[in-house]
Structures are given as structure tokens and as C-alpha cells.
């Protein structure tokens, strides 16, 4: 073989050898990488197992897992967290209007009461009021508050509950209504109702917070009676007997006072409950007689009810339609006052129904007040509102509230199902009879005067105050006109000084 070919063959052999060596190296490297990856995975798995051995949660405060994570029945949850359903079970102090039995009048006073106890009483009253809305034959509600026995009973006439077994739930209808949570005849939102019940709690909450709870309903030849005890945990068997009298339904209960920190029905609580019965008498209209402890509540209209809170003629009543009635009076100027009801539910925190009416009043009164105050006046809406005292009684379709306690309505005005447009004649009558415009203007001017005095003492230039004649000239003292008057005064003083000097010189010369 020629030397050139030998050299070529040698180079080719070296290339093949190098390529084979590189391939082997790459294969070896891949093998090593795989081994390292498997080792790392095994190491991680080992750490996970080791961690798993110690992964059991540490007891919280010495409690086991079962003690830490619990599940409650709905009744247990209501008793454990009552504020969600009926409000606070703690005693609180508020200034409220209550019915003074001895004085025979409403009085505003400091009251110690438990909101939850008041609410379970209210639930039964609203239940009776709802029946009044549904049943045109009903015309009587009787309320008994037995302080000595700690017993409360509410009875209404009219159609009874059906005394028959519910085919779906296999229990009598009265038991379903008063002894099973989340049962209601108000769940069909396509049906527009003006009742107070909404969520299926209602009277069941009263049952849960009572030591003893008894329901009776009579009609169509039968009377049904059933009793629950120990916070609705023990249910008695229904008792059904023949009956020939008029139809009625009654709820009698003994509140579990210990849950409210009481051992008897206290005087302030009873006074507040009596006031709520008067609320019912004032909002139920002329077709229903309301009795309290055997005596007729002497109210024939909502206007009569409002008169229990204020005296004098400085008020105007109006009933623009069947679903709205209101009375407007003037407050003492220390703040806005209101007393309102939605479907017989008391709304002490007002809501959209009250704001709907108040906004119309403020718009009209504010325009009049600014005009009366004169040029430069700037009366605020809140200054007008502080002089208003308004009573509202309305029926709202499927109302919504801020909570289960239903103290404030949140439904939008567009969904009320009715309107309450205040007429110009009514607003003019309010302005005339309450003298609210003069009160607002006087209050605003007094506030501005006080502000001017305050800024004057601190050396800060105050704002102009208009609308008060005697202050018009004083307002000019610091302006351009004020500067002109000051300059004239200085010139006059200087002239008088020169005249005095001239006369003195003349006298001296004459004497010499």
C-alpha cells in the first residue's frame, strides 16, 4: 500500500476510535446523571416519610383533634351563637321609649334590657300580625305578660292552622310550623307578600330559647295542643280533641331566663314589651282590637299612636295610599328622631323606607330655609334633618333586612312594590304647622355666630354672616369700605389737632 493511503487509513481509524470513545463518555455521563436523580428522589422520599412520622397536629391548648374540630346541629348553633339569630344575650343600656303602665303614657328613659329576650317576644307578635294580613276574618289579638310566673301568651282569632298530617314531612302541620326550623309559607318569592316572616326561623327561635313552649290551634271541629320543653329538645305528643267554639291560635311560652342572665322578668324588659304591644295596636289599623293583660289598647289609628310620643298641634299626618302612612313633627333640634314599621316589624335603626320619605322632605325644606336665610347662606342637609321627627308605617313587598333581628330595612326603593310621593300641599302644610323653616334658619345663624365668635377670639378672620341685618354693617368693617371709613377718621382727627394747636398759639400770643 502506498504511504499516502496508509496515512489516510490511519487517520480514518483514529477518527472512528475517537467517535466511539466520545459516545461511550456521553453514555457514561447519562448513566451517572440518572443515578444522581434517583438518589435525590430517594432522599426526598425519605425526608417525607420521616416528616410523616411527626406530622400529627399538635393538640391546641391540650385538646384532641375531635375536641378542636366540632360539628353542631342547627339548634345547638343557635344556642351557642344567639347573636346571629336573635341578637345579644347580654344586658345593655339604651335610651328608649317604653310604656309606663302607672303613668299611662310613653316615656323616653334609660332602659336596661336584653335584646335577645325582647326579640323572641317580638317574633310571636309579628307572627300574629302576619296572620292579620293574610286572614280578613281576624279582628283580635290578646297578649298576656305574667311577670310572677315568667309566662307570656299571645292569642289571635281567625282561621286556624290545618290540623292534619303533612304528606311530605309526615308530621302534623302545627308541629312543622312551630317545631321544625326553616319551615315557612313565605319561600315563594314570585308571590309578592307584605308579611314579616321571611327565613323560616320566627317562632321556632322563641321555642328554642324557652324552657316550655305550648301551641294551640282550634278550628273545623278540632283543637290541637302540643308542648315542647328544654329549649325545643323535648317534644310532647300532639293532643287532638273535639271542639265546637270559634277558631283561634295561641302561643304560650316560658323564656329560659337563665340564658339571658335573669331570674325573673325585670321591670324595664316588661315596659319595653308593653310598648311593643302598643306598636301593634297602632299599626294594625281599625280592623283589629289589641288587648294587653285583659285591657283593650285604646288606639284607633296610627295617628293616635303617634300622639303618645308628642303633644301639641305642631305635626301633620298623611296617608297617601293604602300601603303608606306617616306623621311629621319637629324635633328639638338635637338630632333626627324616627319611629318606623315595615309590615308590623319595628325598625329602630330605620332603613331605606325612612330615607325614601326623609329625602323628599329635606329637599323641600332646605330650599325654603336657604331662601329665608338670605344671600350667602349655606344651610346643610343634616341641619334640616336634625329638626325632623318622623313616624312611618308601611307595607313592603318581600322586604329585606340587614340581619335576622330586622332592625333596619335594606331593600331598594325600586322594589318596594308601591310609592309614597309627598304632595306639594302636604309639604307646605308641614312647613306651616311645624314652623321648621324658622327653626332651621335660627339654628344655622346661631351656629354661624358662635363660629364667628370662636374664630374672632383666636385671631383668625371669620367668615361673612349674612341674613342678620345688624351684622351686615359689621361684615364691611374688614373690607374695602371699612378701610375708607378708617382713613376718613384719621384725616378728621388730624384736622382737629391742627385747629387745637392754632387756637392754643393765638391764646399764648394774646396773653403776652
Protein backbone atom coordinates (compact mmCIF):
# COMPACT_ATOMS: atom_id res chain seq x y z
CA UNK A 1 0.00 0.00 0.00
CA UNK A 2 1.39 3.35 -0.93
CA UNK A 3 2.45 5.56 2.00
CA UNK A 4 -0.23 8.15 1.26
CA UNK A 5 -3.01 5.58 1.50
CA UNK A 6 -1.57 4.20 4.74
CA UNK A 7 -1.62 7.64 6.30
CA UNK A 8 -5.25 8.17 5.17
CA UNK A 9 -6.34 4.83 6.60
CA UNK A 10 -4.60 5.61 9.90
CA UNK A 11 -6.37 8.96 10.19
CA UNK A 12 -9.76 7.33 9.48
CA UNK A 13 -9.16 4.69 12.14
CA UNK A 14 -8.26 7.37 14.68
CA UNK A 15 -11.48 9.28 13.90
CA UNK A 16 -13.65 6.18 14.41
CA UNK A 17 -11.85 5.42 17.64
CA UNK A 18 -12.36 9.00 18.90
CA UNK A 19 -16.06 8.97 17.93
CA UNK A 20 -16.60 5.69 19.72
CA UNK A 21 -14.86 7.00 22.81
CA UNK A 22 -17.00 10.17 22.85
CA UNK A 23 -20.18 8.11 22.55
CA UNK A 24 -19.12 5.95 25.45
CA UNK A 25 -18.35 9.02 27.52
CA UNK A 26 -21.78 10.53 26.78
CA UNK A 27 -23.47 7.27 27.71
CA UNK A 28 -21.50 7.08 30.94
CA UNK A 29 -22.39 10.67 31.82
CA UNK A 30 -26.11 10.00 31.21
CA UNK A 31 -25.93 6.95 33.46
CA UNK A 32 -24.29 8.95 36.23
CA UNK A 33 -26.91 11.76 35.91
CA UNK A 34 -29.76 9.23 36.18
CA UNK A 35 -28.20 7.68 39.27
CA UNK A 36 -27.85 11.10 40.90
CA UNK A 37 -31.51 11.94 40.09
CA UNK A 38 -32.72 8.64 41.56
CA UNK A 39 -30.64 9.23 44.66
CA UNK A 40 -32.12 12.68 45.14
CA UNK A 41 -35.67 11.37 44.73
CA UNK A 42 -34.99 8.65 47.26
CA UNK A 43 -33.56 11.24 49.64
CA UNK A 44 -36.68 13.43 49.31
CA UNK A 45 -38.95 10.45 49.84
CA UNK A 46 -37.01 9.55 52.93
CA UNK A 47 -37.41 13.03 54.35
CA UNK A 48 -41.15 12.93 53.57
CA UNK A 49 -41.54 9.64 55.44
CA UNK A 50 -39.58 10.98 58.35
CA UNK A 51 -41.73 14.11 58.40
CA UNK A 52 -44.86 11.98 58.11
CA UNK A 53 -43.98 10.17 61.29
CA UNK A 54 -44.07 13.51 63.16
CA UNK A 55 -46.88 15.14 61.10
CA UNK A 56 -49.74 14.59 63.54
CA UNK A 57 -51.11 18.04 64.53
CA UNK A 58 -50.09 19.28 67.90
CA UNK A 59 -53.03 19.49 70.30
CA UNK A 60 -54.46 23.04 70.57
CA UNK A 61 -54.46 24.01 74.21
CA UNK A 62 -54.19 20.38 75.22
CA UNK A 63 -57.29 19.41 73.19
CA UNK A 64 -57.59 16.43 70.89
CA UNK A 65 -58.46 16.74 67.20
CA UNK A 66 -62.03 15.69 67.98
CA UNK A 67 -62.31 18.32 70.69
CA UNK A 68 -60.84 21.03 68.47
CA UNK A 69 -62.92 20.44 65.32
CA UNK A 70 -66.62 20.13 66.10
CA UNK A 71 -69.91 19.94 64.26
CA UNK A 72 -73.09 21.35 65.78
CA UNK A 73 -76.74 20.80 64.98
CA UNK A 74 -78.64 23.90 63.97
CA UNK A 75 -80.38 24.16 67.34
CA UNK A 76 -77.03 23.81 69.12
CA UNK A 77 -75.57 26.52 66.88
CA UNK A 78 -78.45 28.89 67.64
CA UNK A 79 -77.96 28.43 71.38
CA UNK A 80 -74.17 28.74 71.05
CA UNK A 81 -74.21 31.81 68.75
CA UNK A 82 -77.52 33.55 69.56
CA UNK A 83 -76.38 36.98 68.31
CA UNK A 84 -76.64 35.70 64.72
CA UNK A 85 -80.34 34.93 65.15
CA UNK A 86 -81.90 36.96 67.97
CA UNK A 87 -79.26 39.49 69.00
CA UNK A 88 -77.13 39.78 72.09
CA UNK A 89 -77.95 37.84 75.26
CA UNK A 90 -76.01 40.37 77.33
CA UNK A 91 -77.70 43.13 79.31
CA UNK A 92 -77.34 46.54 77.69
CA UNK A 93 -78.46 50.08 78.47
CA UNK A 94 -80.14 52.37 75.93
CA UNK A 95 -82.42 55.37 75.98
CA UNK A 96 -85.70 54.05 74.58
CA UNK A 97 -89.40 54.83 74.53
CA UNK A 98 -91.34 52.47 76.79
CA UNK A 99 -94.92 52.21 78.00
CA UNK A 100 -95.29 53.37 81.60
CA UNK A 101 -98.27 51.43 82.93
CA UNK A 102 -98.71 53.58 86.04
CA UNK A 103 -98.44 56.93 84.23
CA UNK A 104 -100.44 55.64 81.26
CA UNK A 105 -98.07 57.17 78.69
CA UNK A 106 -94.96 56.64 76.61
CA UNK A 107 -91.76 57.77 78.29
CA UNK A 108 -88.24 58.14 76.95
CA UNK A 109 -85.88 56.79 79.58
CA UNK A 110 -82.70 54.83 80.18
CA UNK A 111 -83.60 51.14 79.96
CA UNK A 112 -81.68 48.01 80.92
CA UNK A 113 -82.73 45.09 78.72
CA UNK A 114 -81.51 42.02 76.84
CA UNK A 115 -82.09 42.37 73.06
CA UNK A 116 -82.45 38.60 72.52
CA UNK A 117 -85.25 38.25 75.07
CA UNK A 118 -87.09 41.20 73.55
CA UNK A 119 -86.67 39.65 70.09
CA UNK A 120 -88.16 36.25 70.91
CA UNK A 121 -91.20 38.06 72.30
CA UNK A 122 -91.39 40.16 69.14
CA UNK A 123 -91.26 37.07 66.89
CA UNK A 124 -94.58 35.84 68.29
CA UNK A 125 -96.22 39.27 67.91
CA UNK A 126 -95.09 39.52 64.28
CA UNK A 127 -96.43 36.00 63.71
CA UNK A 128 -99.88 37.19 64.85
CA UNK A 129 -99.60 40.37 62.75
CA UNK A 130 -98.76 38.29 59.66
CA UNK A 131 -101.93 36.28 60.22
CA UNK A 132 -103.87 39.55 60.33
CA UNK A 133 -102.51 40.43 56.88
CA UNK A 134 -103.45 37.04 55.42
CA UNK A 135 -106.82 36.49 57.10
CA UNK A 136 -109.55 39.09 56.62
CA UNK A 137 -111.74 37.39 59.24
CA UNK A 138 -109.23 38.03 62.04
CA UNK A 139 -110.04 41.02 64.27
CA UNK A 140 -108.50 40.37 67.70
CA UNK A 141 -105.06 39.85 69.29
CA UNK A 142 -104.66 39.24 73.02
CA UNK A 143 -101.32 39.47 74.84
CA UNK A 144 -100.69 38.38 78.43
CA UNK A 145 -97.43 39.09 80.28
CA UNK A 146 -97.41 37.22 83.58
CA UNK A 147 -94.45 38.64 85.50
CA UNK A 148 -94.84 36.36 88.53
CA UNK A 149 -94.80 33.13 86.53
CA UNK A 150 -92.42 34.38 83.86
CA UNK A 151 -95.02 33.44 81.25
CA UNK A 152 -96.12 35.14 78.02
CA UNK A 153 -99.12 34.24 75.88
CA UNK A 154 -100.27 35.61 72.52
CA UNK A 155 -103.65 34.62 71.09
CA UNK A 156 -105.33 35.61 67.83
CA UNK A 157 -108.66 34.64 66.36
CA UNK A 158 -109.29 33.92 62.70
CA UNK A 159 -108.57 30.81 60.67
CA UNK A 160 -106.63 28.08 62.46
CA UNK A 161 -103.69 26.12 61.12
CA UNK A 162 -104.66 22.94 59.24
CA UNK A 163 -104.98 20.12 61.79
CA UNK A 164 -103.74 17.38 59.50
CA UNK A 165 -100.57 15.45 58.73
CA UNK A 166 -98.26 16.94 56.11
CA UNK A 167 -97.97 14.32 53.36
CA UNK A 168 -94.32 15.10 52.60
CA UNK A 169 -92.89 15.50 56.10
CA UNK A 170 -95.24 13.04 57.86
CA UNK A 171 -95.97 15.30 60.87
CA UNK A 172 -98.91 17.50 61.81
CA UNK A 173 -98.80 20.96 60.26
CA UNK A 174 -98.74 22.86 63.63
CA UNK A 175 -95.71 20.80 64.69
CA UNK A 176 -94.00 21.54 61.38
CA UNK A 177 -94.66 25.28 61.72
CA UNK A 178 -93.62 25.70 65.37
CA UNK A 179 -91.17 22.85 65.98
CA UNK A 180 -89.10 22.43 62.80
CA UNK A 181 -86.54 25.00 61.69
CA UNK A 182 -86.56 26.50 58.20
CA UNK A 183 -90.27 25.86 57.69
CA UNK A 184 -92.30 28.75 56.29
CA UNK A 185 -95.07 29.69 53.89
CA UNK A 186 -93.02 32.69 52.69
CA UNK A 187 -90.45 30.97 50.46
CA UNK A 188 -92.15 31.64 47.13
CA UNK A 189 -90.50 34.93 46.12
CA UNK A 190 -92.53 35.04 42.92
CA UNK A 191 -95.51 35.74 45.18
CA UNK A 192 -95.49 39.33 46.43
CA UNK A 193 -96.25 39.28 50.16
CA UNK A 194 -96.41 42.09 52.70
CA UNK A 195 -95.76 39.94 55.77
CA UNK A 196 -92.93 39.93 58.31
CA UNK A 197 -91.79 36.31 58.09
CA UNK A 198 -89.02 35.55 55.60
CA UNK A 199 -86.42 32.96 56.59
CA UNK A 200 -88.19 30.11 58.36
CA UNK A 201 -86.91 30.87 61.87
CA UNK A 202 -89.52 33.10 63.54
CA UNK A 203 -91.48 31.36 66.30
CA UNK A 204 -89.02 28.44 66.35
CA UNK A 205 -86.41 30.78 67.84
CA UNK A 206 -88.84 31.54 70.66
CA UNK A 207 -89.32 27.81 71.17
CA UNK A 208 -85.55 27.22 71.28
CA UNK A 209 -84.98 29.94 73.89
CA UNK A 210 -87.81 28.76 76.15
CA UNK A 211 -87.98 26.26 78.99
CA UNK A 212 -91.52 25.45 77.92
CA UNK A 213 -93.44 26.25 74.74
CA UNK A 214 -97.09 25.38 74.07
CA UNK A 215 -99.08 25.88 70.88
CA UNK A 216 -102.85 25.52 70.49
CA UNK A 217 -104.93 25.92 67.36
CA UNK A 218 -108.63 25.23 67.00
CA UNK A 219 -110.95 25.03 64.04
CA UNK A 220 -113.24 22.80 61.99
CA UNK A 221 -114.43 20.81 64.99
CA UNK A 222 -110.98 20.06 66.46
CA UNK A 223 -108.47 21.62 68.86
CA UNK A 224 -104.78 20.73 68.61
CA UNK A 225 -102.35 21.15 71.52
CA UNK A 226 -98.63 20.34 71.66
CA UNK A 227 -95.82 21.15 74.07
CA UNK A 228 -92.01 21.39 73.82
CA UNK A 229 -89.61 21.70 76.75
CA UNK A 230 -85.89 22.23 77.42
CA UNK A 231 -85.08 24.55 74.52
CA UNK A 232 -87.17 22.59 71.99
CA UNK A 233 -85.11 19.45 72.64
CA UNK A 234 -88.05 17.50 74.09
CA UNK A 235 -91.25 17.23 72.11
CA UNK A 236 -94.56 16.12 73.54
CA UNK A 237 -97.14 14.14 71.60
CA UNK A 238 -99.91 16.15 69.90
CA UNK A 239 -103.24 16.17 71.73
CA UNK A 240 -106.29 16.44 69.48
CA UNK A 241 -109.81 16.78 70.86
CA UNK A 242 -113.27 17.65 69.61
CA UNK A 243 -114.09 21.36 69.68
CA UNK A 244 -117.15 23.43 68.82
CA UNK A 245 -116.06 27.02 69.58
CA UNK A 246 -114.64 29.80 67.37
CA UNK A 247 -111.31 29.36 65.58
CA UNK A 248 -108.13 30.63 67.23
CA UNK A 249 -104.38 30.06 67.58
CA UNK A 250 -102.35 30.70 70.73
CA UNK A 251 -98.67 30.52 71.63
CA UNK A 252 -97.67 30.34 75.29
CA UNK A 253 -94.05 30.25 76.42
CA UNK A 254 -91.81 30.48 79.46
CA UNK A 255 -88.49 32.10 78.38
CA UNK A 256 -85.29 30.42 79.56
CA UNK A 257 -84.37 33.47 81.63
CA UNK A 258 -81.06 32.00 82.81
CA UNK A 259 -79.75 32.25 79.23
CA UNK A 260 -80.40 35.99 79.40
CA UNK A 261 -78.74 36.45 82.78
CA UNK A 262 -82.06 36.85 84.61
CA UNK A 263 -84.08 35.02 87.23
CA UNK A 264 -87.34 36.92 86.58
CA UNK A 265 -88.92 39.26 84.04
CA UNK A 266 -87.45 42.61 85.01
CA UNK A 267 -89.43 45.86 85.05
CA UNK A 268 -87.58 47.56 82.16
CA UNK A 269 -87.98 44.49 79.96
CA UNK A 270 -91.71 44.30 80.69
CA UNK A 271 -92.12 48.04 79.96
CA UNK A 272 -90.41 47.54 76.60
CA UNK A 273 -92.63 44.54 75.80
CA UNK A 274 -95.74 46.54 76.65
CA UNK A 275 -94.60 49.33 74.35
CA UNK A 276 -94.27 46.71 71.56
CA UNK A 277 -97.90 45.67 72.13
CA UNK A 278 -98.90 49.33 71.72
CA UNK A 279 -96.87 49.36 68.49
CA UNK A 280 -99.03 46.51 67.26
CA UNK A 281 -102.20 48.35 68.29
CA UNK A 282 -101.10 51.48 66.43
CA UNK A 283 -100.09 49.73 63.21
CA UNK A 284 -102.87 47.14 62.87
CA UNK A 285 -105.50 49.66 61.85
CA UNK A 286 -109.12 49.90 62.91
CA UNK A 287 -109.99 46.32 61.92
CA UNK A 288 -108.12 44.64 64.79
CA UNK A 289 -108.59 45.13 68.54
CA UNK A 290 -105.41 44.56 70.55
CA UNK A 291 -105.65 43.64 74.24
CA UNK A 292 -102.86 43.78 76.83
CA UNK A 293 -103.32 41.89 80.09
CA UNK A 294 -107.08 41.86 79.67
CA UNK A 295 -107.45 45.55 78.74
CA UNK A 296 -108.12 46.99 75.30
CA UNK A 297 -105.28 49.11 73.91
CA UNK A 298 -107.11 52.43 73.31
CA UNK A 299 -105.75 53.23 69.85
CA UNK A 300 -107.95 53.66 66.80
CA UNK A 301 -105.35 54.78 64.27
CA UNK A 302 -101.66 55.29 63.57
CA UNK A 303 -102.17 58.99 64.25
CA UNK A 304 -103.45 58.13 67.74
CA UNK A 305 -100.35 56.03 68.29
CA UNK A 306 -98.01 58.86 67.24
CA UNK A 307 -99.76 61.20 69.68
CA UNK A 308 -98.43 59.04 72.53
CA UNK A 309 -94.93 60.34 71.77
CA UNK A 310 -95.50 64.05 71.19
CA UNK A 311 -98.00 66.66 72.32
CA UNK A 312 -99.35 69.83 70.75
CA UNK A 313 -100.55 70.65 67.26
CA UNK A 314 -97.18 71.01 65.54
CA UNK A 315 -97.48 67.90 63.39
CA UNK A 316 -99.04 66.75 60.11
CA UNK A 317 -100.48 63.29 59.35
CA UNK A 318 -100.82 61.89 55.84
CA UNK A 319 -101.94 58.61 54.29
CA UNK A 320 -101.19 58.90 50.56
CA UNK A 321 -102.34 55.33 49.80
CA UNK A 322 -103.29 52.02 51.44
CA UNK A 323 -99.68 50.96 51.97
CA UNK A 324 -98.17 54.12 53.41
CA UNK A 325 -99.00 56.44 56.28
CA UNK A 326 -96.75 58.92 58.03
CA UNK A 327 -96.71 61.72 60.53
CA UNK A 328 -94.16 64.53 60.54
CA UNK A 329 -93.37 66.63 63.60
CA UNK A 330 -90.47 68.82 64.64
CA UNK A 331 -87.74 67.54 66.94
CA UNK A 332 -85.96 69.74 69.46
CA UNK A 333 -83.02 70.19 67.08
CA UNK A 334 -80.65 67.91 68.99
CA UNK A 335 -80.92 65.19 66.38
CA UNK A 336 -83.13 63.32 63.95
CA UNK A 337 -85.79 61.09 65.50
CA UNK A 338 -87.83 58.37 63.84
CA UNK A 339 -90.28 55.61 64.67
CA UNK A 340 -90.95 53.23 61.80
CA UNK A 341 -92.56 49.92 60.90
CA UNK A 342 -92.36 47.57 57.93
CA UNK A 343 -95.17 45.00 57.77
CA UNK A 344 -95.70 45.47 61.55
CA UNK A 345 -91.97 44.91 62.23
CA UNK A 346 -90.40 47.66 64.31
CA UNK A 347 -87.29 49.11 62.61
CA UNK A 348 -85.48 51.15 65.31
CA UNK A 349 -82.47 51.63 63.02
CA UNK A 350 -84.70 52.92 60.20
CA UNK A 351 -83.59 51.97 56.70
CA UNK A 352 -84.41 52.64 53.08
CA UNK A 353 -88.14 53.17 53.71
CA UNK A 354 -87.46 56.04 56.11
CA UNK A 355 -84.72 57.56 53.94
CA UNK A 356 -87.09 57.46 50.97
CA UNK A 357 -89.54 59.78 52.76
CA UNK A 358 -86.97 61.92 54.58
CA UNK A 359 -85.09 62.82 51.39
CA UNK A 360 -88.26 64.29 49.89
CA UNK A 361 -88.88 66.40 52.99
CA UNK A 362 -85.30 67.64 53.25
CA UNK A 363 -85.19 68.71 49.59
CA UNK A 364 -88.27 70.91 50.01
CA UNK A 365 -87.43 72.33 53.45
CA UNK A 366 -83.81 73.07 52.53
CA UNK A 367 -84.84 75.17 49.54
CA UNK A 368 -87.22 77.20 51.72
CA UNK A 369 -84.68 77.60 54.52
CA UNK A 370 -81.89 78.86 52.24
CA UNK A 371 -84.26 81.36 50.68
CA UNK A 372 -85.41 82.60 54.10
CA UNK A 373 -81.83 82.87 55.41
CA UNK A 374 -80.89 85.29 52.65
CA UNK A 375 -77.85 85.91 50.50
CA UNK A 376 -74.77 83.84 51.23
CA UNK A 377 -76.49 81.27 53.42
CA UNK A 378 -75.25 77.70 53.23
CA UNK A 379 -77.56 75.51 55.31
CA UNK A 380 -76.63 71.82 55.21
CA UNK A 381 -78.98 68.86 54.75
CA UNK A 382 -78.01 67.47 58.14
CA UNK A 383 -79.13 70.73 59.79
CA UNK A 384 -82.61 70.21 58.34
CA UNK A 385 -82.67 66.51 59.25
CA UNK A 386 -81.75 67.30 62.87
CA UNK A 387 -85.08 69.13 63.23
CA UNK A 388 -87.24 66.28 61.87
CA UNK A 389 -89.22 63.75 63.86
CA UNK A 390 -90.93 61.30 61.55
CA UNK A 391 -93.25 58.30 62.02
CA UNK A 392 -93.64 55.82 59.14
CA UNK A 393 -95.92 52.79 58.85
CA UNK A 394 -95.70 50.93 55.54
CA UNK A 395 -96.34 47.63 53.81
CA UNK A 396 -93.42 46.47 51.65
CA UNK A 397 -93.37 43.51 49.28
CA UNK A 398 -90.85 40.81 50.26
CA UNK A 399 -88.72 43.13 52.43
CA UNK A 400 -85.01 42.53 53.05
CA UNK A 401 -83.24 43.46 56.27
CA UNK A 402 -79.68 43.93 57.47
CA UNK A 403 -79.92 40.86 59.75
CA UNK A 404 -82.31 38.31 61.24
CA UNK A 405 -83.13 40.80 64.01
CA UNK A 406 -84.72 43.01 61.29
CA UNK A 407 -83.87 46.35 62.89
CA UNK A 408 -83.07 48.05 59.57
CA UNK A 409 -84.60 47.52 56.13
CA UNK A 410 -82.18 47.39 53.19
CA UNK A 411 -84.50 46.77 50.24
CA UNK A 412 -84.10 49.26 47.38
CA UNK A 413 -86.94 51.73 46.90
CA UNK A 414 -87.50 50.46 43.37
CA UNK A 415 -88.53 47.08 44.84
CA UNK A 416 -90.99 48.37 47.47
CA UNK A 417 -93.99 47.43 45.35
CA UNK A 418 -95.53 50.86 46.00
CA UNK A 419 -94.63 54.54 46.13
CA UNK A 420 -95.04 57.33 48.64
CA UNK A 421 -94.70 60.58 46.73
CA UNK A 422 -95.27 63.51 49.06
CA UNK A 423 -97.58 66.12 47.57
CA UNK A 424 -96.65 69.80 47.45
CA UNK A 425 -99.71 70.59 49.59
CA UNK A 426 -98.58 68.16 52.30
CA UNK A 427 -95.05 69.58 52.40
CA UNK A 428 -96.40 73.14 52.59
CA UNK A 429 -98.60 72.08 55.50
CA UNK A 430 -95.59 70.53 57.25
CA UNK A 431 -93.62 73.76 56.85
CA UNK A 432 -96.51 75.88 58.09
CA UNK A 433 -97.63 73.80 61.09
CA UNK A 434 -94.24 72.73 62.39
CA UNK A 435 -92.51 76.10 61.81
CA UNK A 436 -89.50 74.01 60.88
CA UNK A 437 -88.03 76.52 58.40
CA UNK A 438 -87.67 79.24 61.05
CA UNK A 439 -86.20 76.71 63.46
CA UNK A 440 -83.62 75.57 60.90
CA UNK A 441 -82.66 79.16 59.95
CA UNK A 442 -82.36 80.29 63.57
CA UNK A 443 -80.24 77.27 64.43
CA UNK A 444 -77.98 77.82 61.41
CA UNK A 445 -77.49 81.51 62.23
CA UNK A 446 -76.75 80.73 65.87
CA UNK A 447 -74.13 78.23 64.79
CA UNK A 448 -72.52 80.74 62.42
CA UNK A 449 -72.48 83.43 65.11
CA UNK A 450 -70.83 81.03 67.53
CA UNK A 451 -68.29 80.11 64.88
CA UNK A 452 -67.51 83.80 64.21
CA UNK A 453 -67.01 84.44 67.92
CA UNK A 454 -64.72 81.46 68.13
CA UNK A 455 -62.58 82.49 65.14
CA UNK A 456 -62.52 86.11 66.33
CA UNK A 457 -61.05 85.16 69.70
CA UNK A 458 -58.35 83.09 68.06
CA UNK A 459 -57.28 85.99 65.86
CA UNK A 460 -58.40 84.32 62.65
CA UNK A 461 -60.52 86.27 60.24
CA UNK A 462 -64.05 84.82 60.34
CA UNK A 463 -66.49 84.13 57.54
CA UNK A 464 -69.13 86.61 56.45
CA UNK A 465 -72.50 86.11 58.09
CA UNK A 466 -75.49 87.19 56.06
CA UNK A 467 -79.18 87.19 56.70
CA UNK A 468 -78.87 89.02 60.05
CA UNK A 469 -79.45 92.81 59.48
CA UNK A 470 -77.40 94.08 62.44
CA UNK A 471 -74.42 92.09 61.24
CA UNK A 472 -74.48 93.44 57.67
CA UNK A 473 -72.54 96.64 58.56
CA UNK A 474 -70.13 94.73 60.77
CA UNK A 475 -69.28 92.49 57.85
CA UNK A 476 -67.97 95.55 55.94
CA UNK A 477 -65.55 96.55 58.69
CA UNK A 478 -62.70 94.45 57.39
CA UNK A 479 -63.24 95.11 53.66
CA UNK A 480 -62.60 97.97 51.23
CA UNK A 481 -65.40 100.10 52.64
CA UNK A 482 -64.03 99.53 56.11
CA UNK A 483 -60.62 100.87 55.00
CA UNK A 484 -62.22 104.01 53.58
CA UNK A 485 -64.01 104.74 56.85
CA UNK A 486 -60.81 104.28 58.83
CA UNK A 487 -58.91 106.71 56.53
CA UNK A 488 -61.62 109.37 56.90
CA UNK A 489 -61.44 109.04 60.65
CA UNK A 490 -57.67 109.60 60.69
CA UNK A 491 -57.95 112.73 58.50
CA UNK A 492 -60.65 114.23 60.70
CA UNK A 493 -58.60 113.57 63.80
CA UNK A 494 -55.52 115.29 62.25
CA UNK A 495 -57.55 118.37 61.23
CA UNK A 496 -58.96 118.70 64.72
CA UNK A 497 -55.44 118.51 66.11
CA UNK A 498 -54.22 121.37 63.85
CA UNK A 499 -57.16 123.58 64.83
CA UNK A 500 -56.46 122.95 68.50
CA UNK A 501 -52.77 123.90 68.09
CA UNK A 502 -53.65 127.10 66.21
CA UNK A 503 -56.07 128.22 68.90
CA UNK A 504 -53.51 127.49 71.62
CA UNK A 505 -50.86 129.61 69.87
CA UNK A 506 -53.28 132.51 69.42
CA UNK A 507 -54.12 132.48 73.09
CA UNK A 508 -50.46 132.45 74.10
CA UNK A 509 -49.58 135.39 71.80
CA UNK A 510 -52.55 137.41 73.04
CA UNK A 511 -51.57 136.92 76.67
CA UNK A 512 -48.04 138.04 76.05
